[in-house]
């Protein structure tokens, strides 16, 4: 199992992220993404960058939004994640929304942010052999082969096999807890979506359809007569 960090802006690429996460899990990899974060005593940016540094592969998905710029920085969280991946020597797989793809105007940045996303996309196109997509389904069809090709690179398979004997149980346990301890309420209320709407599973009660003892049974009269004899 490899740890693959899926990086993108959120609101405009939410469906795309879901498709990518599904295909990564189907390939038995851990998809590392901000959707799984819970409350911690760290800024979200610190958590994001730490996860990028700890991942095995970086998957960057870019459309036409530059993303949120945290206070004290001149770059968005999405671009900072990419820069961290480069800084830490991660293999980067880049997926760009095609210029001819139909896209909601509200998800296309203008002004300074528009220029920044244009510059970033240009840099990525020049530096990497990028994959272009027009729909979430097409993106999904591109991610699978891309990750598979990475798996086949010299040293990747042997490195993954060797890591089994050196697994960090504490880190693994924490990752499983972060991934599965919350329930995404979007699945329960699809008509009223809200970002990061989750509830702790400990707050959900499911009545068990079992009994401690066998329920009392009323015996037929003829049986009672036999017992009393």
Protein backbone atom coordinates (compact mmCIF):
# COMPACT_ATOMS: atom_id res chain seq x y z
CA UNK A 1 0.00 0.00 0.00
CA UNK A 2 1.42 3.37 -1.06
CA UNK A 3 0.39 6.73 0.38
CA UNK A 4 -0.78 8.98 -2.45
CA UNK A 5 -1.57 12.63 -1.78
CA UNK A 6 -4.41 14.06 -3.87
CA UNK A 7 -3.97 17.83 -4.15
CA UNK A 8 -6.44 20.30 -5.66
CA UNK A 9 -8.77 23.12 -4.85
CA UNK A 10 -11.95 21.72 -3.31
CA UNK A 11 -15.29 23.27 -4.27
CA UNK A 12 -14.70 23.23 -8.03
CA UNK A 13 -13.08 19.79 -8.12
CA UNK A 14 -15.02 17.95 -5.41
CA UNK A 15 -16.45 15.34 -7.78
CA UNK A 16 -13.06 14.86 -9.40
CA UNK A 17 -11.48 14.25 -6.01
CA UNK A 18 -14.11 11.64 -5.18
CA UNK A 19 -13.39 9.76 -8.41
CA UNK A 20 -9.64 9.81 -7.76
CA UNK A 21 -10.07 8.61 -4.18
CA UNK A 22 -12.22 5.69 -5.33
CA UNK A 23 -9.73 4.47 -7.93
CA UNK A 24 -6.81 4.76 -5.49
CA UNK A 25 -8.64 2.68 -2.90
CA UNK A 26 -9.54 0.12 -5.57
CA UNK A 27 -5.82 -0.18 -6.29
CA UNK A 28 -5.23 -0.86 -2.56
CA UNK A 29 -3.48 2.44 -1.92
CA UNK A 30 -4.09 4.94 0.85
CA UNK A 31 -5.53 8.14 -0.55
CA UNK A 32 -4.35 11.02 1.61
CA UNK A 33 -6.65 14.03 1.37
CA UNK A 34 -7.98 16.89 3.46
CA UNK A 35 -11.45 15.32 3.57
CA UNK A 36 -10.19 12.89 6.22
CA UNK A 37 -8.77 15.50 8.59
CA UNK A 38 -10.21 15.89 12.07
CA UNK A 39 -9.64 18.56 14.71
CA UNK A 40 -5.99 18.76 15.74
CA UNK A 41 -3.79 21.33 17.43
CA UNK A 42 -2.17 22.34 14.15
CA UNK A 43 -3.00 24.73 11.36
CA UNK A 44 -4.53 23.01 8.31
CA UNK A 45 -1.60 24.16 6.15
CA UNK A 46 0.92 22.48 8.46
CA UNK A 47 -1.07 19.26 8.31
CA UNK A 48 -1.30 19.39 4.53
CA UNK A 49 2.42 19.99 4.04
CA UNK A 50 3.38 17.29 6.54
CA UNK A 51 1.21 14.80 4.67
CA UNK A 52 2.75 15.78 1.34
CA UNK A 53 6.22 15.24 2.78
CA UNK A 54 5.21 11.82 4.13
CA UNK A 55 3.51 10.55 0.96
CA UNK A 56 4.97 8.23 -1.68
CA UNK A 57 3.40 9.95 -4.67
CA UNK A 58 1.86 13.38 -5.32
CA UNK A 59 -1.16 13.69 -7.63
CA UNK A 60 -1.94 17.31 -8.52
CA UNK A 61 -5.30 18.19 -10.09
CA UNK A 62 -5.72 21.71 -11.45
CA UNK A 63 -8.64 23.50 -13.08
CA UNK A 64 -9.14 27.30 -13.15
CA UNK A 65 -9.22 28.23 -9.44
CA UNK A 66 -6.01 29.23 -7.70
CA UNK A 67 -7.31 28.49 -4.23
CA UNK A 68 -7.15 29.92 -0.72
CA UNK A 69 -4.08 31.94 0.24
CA UNK A 70 -3.45 31.58 4.01
CA UNK A 71 -2.49 34.67 6.04
CA UNK A 72 1.21 35.45 5.88
CA UNK A 73 1.73 33.68 2.53
CA UNK A 74 1.71 34.82 -1.08
CA UNK A 75 0.82 31.40 -2.50
CA UNK A 76 -2.32 29.28 -2.19
CA UNK A 77 -2.41 26.09 -0.15
CA UNK A 78 -2.71 24.12 -3.39
CA UNK A 79 0.46 25.65 -4.85
CA UNK A 80 2.29 25.28 -1.51
CA UNK A 81 1.43 21.56 -1.53
CA UNK A 82 2.93 21.22 -4.99
CA UNK A 83 6.07 23.16 -3.98
CA UNK A 84 6.44 20.89 -0.93
CA UNK A 85 6.23 17.81 -3.12
CA UNK A 86 9.01 19.16 -5.33
CA UNK A 87 11.09 20.22 -2.31
CA UNK A 88 10.88 16.74 -0.78
CA UNK A 89 11.68 14.95 -4.03
CA UNK A 90 8.27 13.36 -4.61
CA UNK A 91 7.27 12.00 -7.99
CA UNK A 92 4.56 14.34 -9.28
CA UNK A 93 1.71 13.26 -11.54
CA UNK A 94 -0.11 16.29 -12.92
CA UNK A 95 -3.67 16.39 -14.27
CA UNK A 96 -4.98 19.57 -15.89
CA UNK A 97 -8.54 20.41 -16.87
CA UNK A 98 -8.54 20.78 -20.66
CA UNK A 99 -8.92 24.31 -21.98
CA UNK A 100 -11.89 23.26 -24.12
CA UNK A 101 -13.75 21.53 -21.28
CA UNK A 102 -17.09 23.16 -20.36
CA UNK A 103 -16.73 24.62 -16.88
CA UNK A 104 -18.94 26.79 -14.60
CA UNK A 105 -17.92 30.44 -14.80
CA UNK A 106 -18.13 30.77 -11.02
CA UNK A 107 -15.18 28.37 -10.79
CA UNK A 108 -12.93 30.40 -13.09
CA UNK A 109 -10.74 32.92 -11.28
CA UNK A 110 -10.20 36.41 -12.63
CA UNK A 111 -7.76 39.18 -11.78
CA UNK A 112 -4.64 38.35 -9.76
CA UNK A 113 -5.79 34.85 -8.87
CA UNK A 114 -6.64 34.18 -12.50
CA UNK A 115 -3.14 35.19 -13.54
CA UNK A 116 -1.59 33.03 -10.82
CA UNK A 117 -3.44 29.88 -11.87
CA UNK A 118 -2.56 30.57 -15.51
CA UNK A 119 1.12 30.91 -14.59
CA UNK A 120 1.06 27.77 -12.47
CA UNK A 121 -0.64 25.70 -15.19
CA UNK A 122 1.91 26.96 -17.73
CA UNK A 123 4.79 25.99 -15.43
CA UNK A 124 3.35 22.53 -14.86
CA UNK A 125 2.77 21.99 -18.59
CA UNK A 126 6.38 22.88 -19.36
CA UNK A 127 7.92 20.87 -16.53
CA UNK A 128 5.86 17.65 -16.73
CA UNK A 129 4.18 15.40 -19.23
CA UNK A 130 0.71 16.25 -17.99
CA UNK A 131 -2.61 14.47 -18.58
CA UNK A 132 -5.59 16.55 -19.68
CA UNK A 133 -9.16 15.69 -18.70
CA UNK A 134 -12.59 17.14 -19.44
CA UNK A 135 -14.83 15.22 -17.01
CA UNK A 136 -14.46 13.53 -13.61
CA UNK A 137 -14.90 10.12 -15.26
CA UNK A 138 -12.14 10.86 -17.74
CA UNK A 139 -9.87 11.93 -14.90
CA UNK A 140 -10.56 8.64 -13.15
CA UNK A 141 -9.63 6.71 -16.29
CA UNK A 142 -6.31 8.58 -16.43
CA UNK A 143 -5.32 8.25 -12.77
CA UNK A 144 -5.44 4.44 -12.68
CA UNK A 145 -2.95 3.82 -15.54
CA UNK A 146 -0.76 6.69 -14.32
CA UNK A 147 -0.40 5.17 -10.85
CA UNK A 148 0.07 1.69 -12.33
CA UNK A 149 2.94 2.93 -14.50
CA UNK A 150 4.51 4.47 -11.41
CA UNK A 151 4.23 1.14 -9.60
CA UNK A 152 6.11 -0.55 -12.44
CA UNK A 153 9.07 1.83 -12.24
CA UNK A 154 12.36 0.21 -11.08
CA UNK A 155 12.61 0.05 -7.30
CA UNK A 156 8.99 0.97 -6.53
CA UNK A 157 7.66 -2.58 -6.09
CA UNK A 158 10.66 -3.79 -4.10
CA UNK A 159 10.54 -0.70 -1.95
CA UNK A 160 6.86 -1.28 -1.15
CA UNK A 161 7.50 -4.95 -0.33
CA UNK A 162 10.40 -4.10 1.93
CA UNK A 163 8.32 -1.56 3.78
CA UNK A 164 6.00 -4.24 5.11
CA UNK A 165 8.51 -5.51 7.65
CA UNK A 166 9.23 -1.97 8.79
CA UNK A 167 5.66 -0.78 9.18
CA UNK A 168 5.08 1.87 11.82
CA UNK A 169 2.14 0.45 13.74
CA UNK A 170 1.44 3.71 15.59
CA UNK A 171 1.31 5.77 12.40
CA UNK A 172 -0.77 3.12 10.64
CA UNK A 173 -3.25 2.98 13.51
CA UNK A 174 -3.59 6.76 13.52
CA UNK A 175 -4.13 6.84 9.75
CA UNK A 176 -6.89 4.22 9.99
CA UNK A 177 -8.52 6.12 12.85
CA UNK A 178 -8.46 9.41 10.93
CA UNK A 179 -9.88 7.76 7.82
CA UNK A 180 -12.72 5.76 9.34
CA UNK A 181 -13.76 7.45 12.60
CA UNK A 182 -16.05 9.97 10.90
CA UNK A 183 -19.19 9.59 8.83
CA UNK A 184 -19.71 11.91 5.84
CA UNK A 185 -23.25 13.27 6.20
CA UNK A 186 -23.33 14.14 2.51
CA UNK A 187 -24.37 10.54 1.93
CA UNK A 188 -27.38 11.10 4.19
CA UNK A 189 -28.33 14.59 3.03
CA UNK A 190 -27.23 14.88 -0.62
CA UNK A 191 -29.59 17.79 -1.30
CA UNK A 192 -27.99 20.02 1.33
CA UNK A 193 -24.24 19.60 0.93
CA UNK A 194 -21.90 21.45 3.24
CA UNK A 195 -18.10 21.26 3.15
CA UNK A 196 -16.56 18.94 5.72
CA UNK A 197 -19.95 18.03 7.26
CA UNK A 198 -19.08 14.98 9.34
CA UNK A 199 -20.12 13.38 12.59
CA UNK A 200 -18.13 11.15 14.90
CA UNK A 201 -19.26 7.56 14.67
CA UNK A 202 -19.28 7.40 18.48
CA UNK A 203 -22.29 9.74 18.35
CA UNK A 204 -24.30 7.43 16.13
CA UNK A 205 -26.40 4.76 17.89
CA UNK A 206 -27.56 1.70 15.99
CA UNK A 207 -30.01 -0.49 17.88
CA UNK A 208 -28.84 -4.08 17.93
CA UNK A 209 -31.34 -6.68 16.78
CA UNK A 210 -30.26 -9.28 19.36
CA UNK A 211 -31.39 -10.37 22.84
CA UNK A 212 -29.38 -11.40 25.84
CA UNK A 213 -31.72 -14.34 26.58
CA UNK A 214 -34.23 -16.36 24.64
CA UNK A 215 -37.68 -14.72 24.89
CA UNK A 216 -40.28 -16.59 26.99
CA UNK A 217 -42.44 -19.04 25.12
CA UNK A 218 -46.02 -20.05 25.92
CA UNK A 219 -46.23 -23.82 25.86
CA UNK A 220 -49.30 -25.59 24.55
CA UNK A 221 -51.69 -26.97 27.22
CA UNK A 222 -50.96 -30.60 26.36
CA UNK A 223 -47.25 -30.03 26.89
CA UNK A 224 -47.86 -28.48 30.30
CA UNK A 225 -49.91 -31.53 31.32
CA UNK A 226 -47.07 -33.86 30.39
CA UNK A 227 -44.55 -31.79 32.34
CA UNK A 228 -46.73 -31.72 35.46
CA UNK A 229 -47.22 -35.50 35.51
